[in-house]
Amino acid sequence: MKTVCLLGSPRLNGNSAALAERFCDTVKGLGAEVETFALNKLTYRGCQGCMMCKTKLEKCALEDDLETVLDSIRDADILVMATPTYYGEVSSQMKGFIDRTFSYLKPDYSTHSIPSRLQGGKKLVFIQTQALPDETQFADVFPRYEYFFKWYGFDDIRSVRACGVTEPGEVRERKDAMDLAAETARNLMEGGA
């Protein structure tokens, strides 16, 4: 199984990266191939609203470092999106990527029975960390993006979330969160619920 992991934090030793590492190490141990992209190390622009992906091309018109990422996801079975929560939202690095996924939608996506150019049956793991311990805060972030990724044909979407982690790597001491990342990986690889 091919897994693409996107690290949305500017801190490569941060909490979302630690959970993504646990997930990826687990799927690797079960035979998956993993390709990881640290979005903060790439040079790319957000969606330009040019509509070229709906009028002249079957992919995003921008030619930058995100082109390779978008192409890799086309061939992936599992996509891991790991982000800290900044100002009640995914990181700007992750948001720039998400906006560019608009290119995955067909020109008539709003009326087409299969709106996505991606092959269906993909799996998504959305990893979210936040400093605030209150789980009701920013609980709306995951469902917002789950909605759009369902359009793209991701039919098995799971969330791994850790609240109350502030210092870089602090989540490594949180057995509940680290175990959830590993358990989610095992369940996806074994086809479980």
C-alpha atoms as a PDB file:
ATOM      1  CA  MET A   1       0.000   0.000   0.000  1.00  0.00           C
ATOM      2  CA  LYS A   2       1.379   3.397  -0.954  1.00  0.00           C
ATOM      3  CA  THR A   3       1.135   6.043   1.766  1.00  0.00           C
ATOM      4  CA  VAL A   4       1.789   9.744   1.266  1.00  0.00           C
ATOM      5  CA  CYS A   5       2.363  11.735   4.441  1.00  0.00           C
ATOM      6  CA  LEU A   6       2.147  15.533   4.485  1.00  0.00           C
ATOM      7  CA  LEU A   7       3.690  17.354   7.417  1.00  0.00           C
ATOM      8  CA  GLY A   8       1.961  20.706   7.727  1.00  0.00           C
ATOM      9  CA  SER A   9       3.902  22.102  10.666  1.00  0.00           C
ATOM     10  CA  PRO A  10       6.906  24.390  10.269  1.00  0.00           C
ATOM     11  CA  ARG A  11       8.408  22.431  13.188  1.00  0.00           C
ATOM     12  CA  LEU A  12       9.646  19.039  12.027  1.00  0.00           C
ATOM     13  CA  ASN A  13      10.029  17.927  15.652  1.00  0.00           C
ATOM     14  CA  GLY A  14       6.522  19.104  16.530  1.00  0.00           C
ATOM     15  CA  ASN A  15       3.585  17.181  17.897  1.00  0.00           C
ATOM     16  CA  SER A  16       1.695  16.602  14.644  1.00  0.00           C
ATOM     17  CA  ALA A  17       4.926  15.320  13.062  1.00  0.00           C
ATOM     18  CA  ALA A  18       5.452  12.928  16.003  1.00  0.00           C
ATOM     19  CA  LEU A  19       1.981  11.427  15.568  1.00  0.00           C
ATOM     20  CA  ALA A  20       2.517  11.153  11.811  1.00  0.00           C
ATOM     21  CA  GLU A  21       5.839   9.421  12.426  1.00  0.00           C
ATOM     22  CA  ARG A  22       4.167   6.856  14.709  1.00  0.00           C
ATOM     23  CA  PHE A  23       1.470   6.211  12.102  1.00  0.00           C
ATOM     24  CA  CYS A  24       3.997   5.905   9.254  1.00  0.00           C
ATOM     25  CA  ASP A  25       6.394   3.686  11.206  1.00  0.00           C
ATOM     26  CA  THR A  26       3.470   1.361  11.945  1.00  0.00           C
ATOM     27  CA  VAL A  27       2.290   1.083   8.332  1.00  0.00           C
ATOM     28  CA  LYS A  28       5.893   0.597   7.162  1.00  0.00           C
ATOM     29  CA  GLY A  29       6.210  -2.253   9.635  1.00  0.00           C
ATOM     30  CA  LEU A  30       3.139  -3.795   8.007  1.00  0.00           C
ATOM     31  CA  GLY A  31       4.590  -3.550   4.500  1.00  0.00           C
ATOM     32  CA  ALA A  32       3.472  -0.136   3.254  1.00  0.00           C
ATOM     33  CA  GLU A  33       5.640   2.149   1.167  1.00  0.00           C
ATOM     34  CA  VAL A  34       5.731   5.662   2.695  1.00  0.00           C
ATOM     35  CA  GLU A  35       6.629   8.935   1.009  1.00  0.00           C
ATOM     36  CA  THR A  36       6.777  11.991   3.290  1.00  0.00           C
ATOM     37  CA  PHE A  37       6.694  15.651   2.305  1.00  0.00           C
ATOM     38  CA  ALA A  38       7.467  18.449   4.776  1.00  0.00           C
ATOM     39  CA  LEU A  39       5.348  21.205   3.256  1.00  0.00           C
ATOM     40  CA  ASN A  40       7.328  23.979   4.946  1.00  0.00           C
ATOM     41  CA  LYS A  41      10.454  22.901   3.027  1.00  0.00           C
ATOM     42  CA  LEU A  42       8.687  23.211  -0.336  1.00  0.00           C
ATOM     43  CA  THR A  43       8.224  26.310  -2.456  1.00  0.00           C
ATOM     44  CA  TYR A  44       4.670  26.684  -3.735  1.00  0.00           C
ATOM     45  CA  ARG A  45       1.788  29.077  -4.083  1.00  0.00           C
ATOM     46  CA  GLY A  46      -1.827  28.675  -3.104  1.00  0.00           C
ATOM     47  CA  CYS A  47      -4.591  28.267  -5.651  1.00  0.00           C
ATOM     48  CA  GLN A  48      -4.650  31.217  -8.063  1.00  0.00           C
ATOM     49  CA  GLY A  49      -8.308  30.826  -9.022  1.00  0.00           C
ATOM     50  CA  CYS A  50      -7.257  30.647 -12.685  1.00  0.00           C
ATOM     51  CA  MET A  51      -9.730  27.788 -13.395  1.00  0.00           C
ATOM     52  CA  MET A  52      -7.241  26.192 -15.825  1.00  0.00           C
ATOM     53  CA  CYS A  53      -7.871  22.860 -14.067  1.00  0.00           C
ATOM     54  CA  LYS A  54     -11.505  23.157 -15.100  1.00  0.00           C
ATOM     55  CA  THR A  55     -11.111  24.577 -18.618  1.00  0.00           C
ATOM     56  CA  LYS A  56      -7.866  23.434 -20.248  1.00  0.00           C
ATOM     57  CA  LEU A  57      -6.006  20.974 -17.995  1.00  0.00           C
ATOM     58  CA  GLU A  58      -6.790  17.875 -15.930  1.00  0.00           C
ATOM     59  CA  LYS A  59      -4.440  19.020 -13.160  1.00  0.00           C
ATOM     60  CA  CYS A  60      -3.252  22.190 -11.482  1.00  0.00           C
ATOM     61  CA  ALA A  61      -1.623  24.652 -13.881  1.00  0.00           C
ATOM     62  CA  LEU A  62       0.975  25.831 -11.371  1.00  0.00           C
ATOM     63  CA  GLU A  63       4.443  24.376 -11.815  1.00  0.00           C
ATOM     64  CA  ASP A  64       6.132  24.364  -8.427  1.00  0.00           C
ATOM     65  CA  ASP A  65       7.144  21.931  -5.676  1.00  0.00           C
ATOM     66  CA  LEU A  66       3.536  21.013  -4.897  1.00  0.00           C
ATOM     67  CA  GLU A  67       3.131  19.473  -8.364  1.00  0.00           C
ATOM     68  CA  THR A  68       5.056  16.367  -7.221  1.00  0.00           C
ATOM     69  CA  VAL A  69       2.950  16.122  -4.053  1.00  0.00           C
ATOM     70  CA  LEU A  70      -0.340  16.340  -5.953  1.00  0.00           C
ATOM     71  CA  ASP A  71       0.864  13.702  -8.445  1.00  0.00           C
ATOM     72  CA  SER A  72       2.001  11.346  -5.649  1.00  0.00           C
ATOM     73  CA  ILE A  73      -1.433  11.484  -4.028  1.00  0.00           C
ATOM     74  CA  ARG A  74      -3.023  10.371  -7.310  1.00  0.00           C
ATOM     75  CA  ASP A  75      -1.189   7.037  -6.928  1.00  0.00           C
ATOM     76  CA  ALA A  76      -1.533   6.736  -3.139  1.00  0.00           C
ATOM     77  CA  ASP A  77      -3.790   4.388  -1.214  1.00  0.00           C
ATOM     78  CA  ILE A  78      -3.466   6.322   2.057  1.00  0.00           C
ATOM     79  CA  LEU A  79      -2.987  10.055   2.579  1.00  0.00           C
ATOM     80  CA  VAL A  80      -1.837  11.325   5.968  1.00  0.00           C
ATOM     81  CA  MET A  81      -2.336  15.042   6.622  1.00  0.00           C
ATOM     82  CA  ALA A  82      -0.662  16.158   9.861  1.00  0.00           C
ATOM     83  CA  THR A  83      -1.164  19.706  11.094  1.00  0.00           C
ATOM     84  CA  PRO A  84      -1.014  21.761  14.242  1.00  0.00           C
ATOM     85  CA  THR A  85      -3.959  24.027  14.970  1.00  0.00           C
ATOM     86  CA  TYR A  86      -2.965  27.654  14.435  1.00  0.00           C
ATOM     87  CA  TYR A  87      -5.548  30.349  15.144  1.00  0.00           C
ATOM     88  CA  GLY A  88      -8.322  27.755  15.097  1.00  0.00           C
ATOM     89  CA  GLU A  89      -7.339  26.395  11.691  1.00  0.00           C
ATOM     90  CA  VAL A  90      -4.879  24.085   9.925  1.00  0.00           C
ATOM     91  CA  SER A  91      -1.437  25.592   9.366  1.00  0.00           C
ATOM     92  CA  SER A  92      -1.032  27.938   6.414  1.00  0.00           C
ATOM     93  CA  GLN A  93       1.245  25.361   4.798  1.00  0.00           C
ATOM     94  CA  MET A  94      -1.523  22.753   4.939  1.00  0.00           C
ATOM     95  CA  LYS A  95      -4.198  25.212   3.841  1.00  0.00           C
ATOM     96  CA  GLY A  96      -2.163  26.108   0.744  1.00  0.00           C
ATOM     97  CA  PHE A  97      -2.006  22.423  -0.152  1.00  0.00           C
ATOM     98  CA  ILE A  98      -5.717  21.886   0.499  1.00  0.00           C
ATOM     99  CA  ASP A  99      -6.661  24.790  -1.749  1.00  0.00           C
ATOM    100  CA  ARG A 100      -4.618  23.302  -4.578  1.00  0.00           C
ATOM    101  CA  THR A 101      -6.555  20.013  -4.335  1.00  0.00           C
ATOM    102  CA  PHE A 102      -9.376  21.872  -6.088  1.00  0.00           C
ATOM    103  CA  SER A 103      -7.610  20.622  -9.224  1.00  0.00           C
ATOM    104  CA  TYR A 104      -8.727  17.067  -8.359  1.00  0.00           C
ATOM    105  CA  LEU A 105     -12.329  17.990  -9.138  1.00  0.00           C
ATOM    106  CA  LYS A 106     -13.794  17.568 -12.613  1.00  0.00           C
ATOM    107  CA  PRO A 107     -15.109  20.673 -14.428  1.00  0.00           C
ATOM    108  CA  ASP A 108     -18.716  19.683 -13.692  1.00  0.00           C
ATOM    109  CA  TYR A 109     -17.992  18.448 -10.156  1.00  0.00           C
ATOM    110  CA  SER A 110     -21.034  20.128  -8.612  1.00  0.00           C
ATOM    111  CA  THR A 111     -23.433  18.067 -10.748  1.00  0.00           C
ATOM    112  CA  HIS A 112     -21.377  14.983 -11.677  1.00  0.00           C
ATOM    113  CA  SER A 113     -22.174  11.722  -9.865  1.00  0.00           C
ATOM    114  CA  ILE A 114     -18.409  11.106  -9.539  1.00  0.00           C
ATOM    115  CA  PRO A 115     -16.952  14.598  -8.995  1.00  0.00           C
ATOM    116  CA  SER A 116     -13.300  13.604  -8.581  1.00  0.00           C
ATOM    117  CA  ARG A 117     -10.542  12.873 -11.050  1.00  0.00           C
ATOM    118  CA  LEU A 118      -8.925  10.651  -8.415  1.00  0.00           C
ATOM    119  CA  GLN A 119      -9.614   6.953  -8.309  1.00  0.00           C
ATOM    120  CA  GLY A 120     -11.998   6.154  -5.450  1.00  0.00           C
ATOM    121  CA  GLY A 121     -11.298   3.950  -2.480  1.00  0.00           C
ATOM    122  CA  LYS A 122      -8.509   6.036  -0.980  1.00  0.00           C
ATOM    123  CA  LYS A 123      -8.029   6.389   2.769  1.00  0.00           C
ATOM    124  CA  LEU A 124      -7.307   9.597   4.675  1.00  0.00           C
ATOM    125  CA  VAL A 125      -5.866  10.074   8.147  1.00  0.00           C
ATOM    126  CA  PHE A 126      -6.236  13.629   9.455  1.00  0.00           C
ATOM    127  CA  ILE A 127      -3.827  14.278  12.338  1.00  0.00           C
ATOM    128  CA  GLN A 128      -4.538  17.422  14.339  1.00  0.00           C
ATOM    129  CA  THR A 129      -2.766  18.730  17.430  1.00  0.00           C
ATOM    130  CA  GLN A 130      -3.509  21.768  19.552  1.00  0.00           C
ATOM    131  CA  ALA A 131      -2.221  23.478  22.655  1.00  0.00           C
ATOM    132  CA  LEU A 132      -5.661  24.010  24.186  1.00  0.00           C
ATOM    133  CA  PRO A 133      -6.725  20.989  26.271  1.00  0.00           C
ATOM    134  CA  ASP A 134     -10.448  21.675  25.699  1.00  0.00           C
ATOM    135  CA  GLU A 135     -11.524  19.153  23.046  1.00  0.00           C
ATOM    136  CA  THR A 136     -14.594  21.210  22.152  1.00  0.00           C
ATOM    137  CA  GLN A 137     -12.324  23.980  20.905  1.00  0.00           C
ATOM    138  CA  PHE A 138     -11.488  23.611  17.191  1.00  0.00           C
ATOM    139  CA  ALA A 139     -13.439  20.364  16.917  1.00  0.00           C
ATOM    140  CA  ASP A 140     -14.895  21.821  13.708  1.00  0.00           C
ATOM    141  CA  VAL A 141     -11.591  21.712  11.799  1.00  0.00           C
ATOM    142  CA  PHE A 142     -11.594  18.017  10.884  1.00  0.00           C
ATOM    143  CA  PRO A 143     -15.262  17.783   9.752  1.00  0.00           C
ATOM    144  CA  ARG A 144     -14.789  20.800   7.490  1.00  0.00           C
ATOM    145  CA  TYR A 145     -12.027  19.122   5.499  1.00  0.00           C
ATOM    146  CA  GLU A 146     -13.551  15.636   5.732  1.00  0.00           C
ATOM    147  CA  TYR A 147     -16.443  17.024   3.667  1.00  0.00           C
ATOM    148  CA  PHE A 148     -14.190  18.037   0.784  1.00  0.00           C
ATOM    149  CA  PHE A 149     -12.024  14.910   0.788  1.00  0.00           C
ATOM    150  CA  LYS A 150     -15.131  12.760   0.502  1.00  0.00           C
ATOM    151  CA  TRP A 151     -15.732  14.556  -2.811  1.00  0.00           C
ATOM    152  CA  TYR A 152     -12.276  13.393  -3.914  1.00  0.00           C
ATOM    153  CA  GLY A 153     -13.166   9.740  -3.367  1.00  0.00           C
ATOM    154  CA  PHE A 154     -11.609   9.199   0.056  1.00  0.00           C
ATOM    155  CA  ASP A 155     -14.158   6.789   1.495  1.00  0.00           C
ATOM    156  CA  ASP A 156     -12.342   5.803   4.695  1.00  0.00           C
ATOM    157  CA  ILE A 157     -11.468   8.956   6.634  1.00  0.00           C
ATOM    158  CA  ARG A 158     -10.134   8.884  10.168  1.00  0.00           C
ATOM    159  CA  SER A 159      -9.049  11.445  12.714  1.00  0.00           C
ATOM    160  CA  VAL A 160      -6.165  11.292  15.178  1.00  0.00           C
ATOM    161  CA  ARG A 161      -6.259  14.279  17.492  1.00  0.00           C
ATOM    162  CA  ALA A 162      -4.238  15.338  20.523  1.00  0.00           C
ATOM    163  CA  CYS A 163      -5.288  18.302  22.655  1.00  0.00           C
ATOM    164  CA  GLY A 164      -3.243  19.988  25.361  1.00  0.00           C
ATOM    165  CA  VAL A 165       0.168  19.502  23.742  1.00  0.00           C
ATOM    166  CA  THR A 166       2.227  22.686  23.642  1.00  0.00           C
ATOM    167  CA  GLU A 167       5.948  21.972  23.619  1.00  0.00           C
ATOM    168  CA  PRO A 168       7.509  20.397  20.510  1.00  0.00           C
ATOM    169  CA  GLY A 169       7.393  16.606  20.766  1.00  0.00           C
ATOM    170  CA  GLU A 170       5.395  16.656  24.026  1.00  0.00           C
ATOM    171  CA  VAL A 171       2.827  14.304  22.487  1.00  0.00           C
ATOM    172  CA  ARG A 172       5.423  11.503  22.539  1.00  0.00           C
ATOM    173  CA  GLU A 173       4.704  11.273  26.286  1.00  0.00           C
ATOM    174  CA  ARG A 174       0.966  10.907  25.627  1.00  0.00           C
ATOM    175  CA  LYS A 175       0.389   7.173  25.404  1.00  0.00           C
ATOM    176  CA  ASP A 176      -3.275   7.642  24.436  1.00  0.00           C
ATOM    177  CA  ALA A 177      -2.463   9.739  21.369  1.00  0.00           C
ATOM    178  CA  MET A 178       0.568   7.715  20.254  1.00  0.00           C
ATOM    179  CA  ASP A 179      -1.373   4.469  20.656  1.00  0.00           C
ATOM    180  CA  LEU A 180      -4.283   5.909  18.660  1.00  0.00           C
ATOM    181  CA  ALA A 181      -1.921   6.762  15.780  1.00  0.00           C
ATOM    182  CA  ALA A 182      -0.513   3.217  15.749  1.00  0.00           C
ATOM    183  CA  GLU A 183      -3.934   1.582  16.150  1.00  0.00           C
ATOM    184  CA  THR A 184      -5.360   3.659  13.303  1.00  0.00           C
ATOM    185  CA  ALA A 185      -2.486   2.531  11.088  1.00  0.00           C
ATOM    186  CA  ARG A 186      -3.014  -1.126  11.939  1.00  0.00           C
ATOM    187  CA  ASN A 187      -6.764  -0.875  11.336  1.00  0.00           C
ATOM    188  CA  LEU A 188      -6.304   0.737   7.931  1.00  0.00           C
ATOM    189  CA  MET A 189      -3.717  -1.809   6.846  1.00  0.00           C
ATOM    190  CA  GLU A 190      -5.814  -4.737   8.054  1.00  0.00           C
ATOM    191  CA  GLY A 191      -9.088  -3.328   6.691  1.00  0.00           C
ATOM    192  CA  GLY A 192     -10.665  -2.969  10.126  1.00  0.00           C
ATOM    193  CA  ALA A 193     -13.085  -0.409  11.469  1.00  0.00           C
END
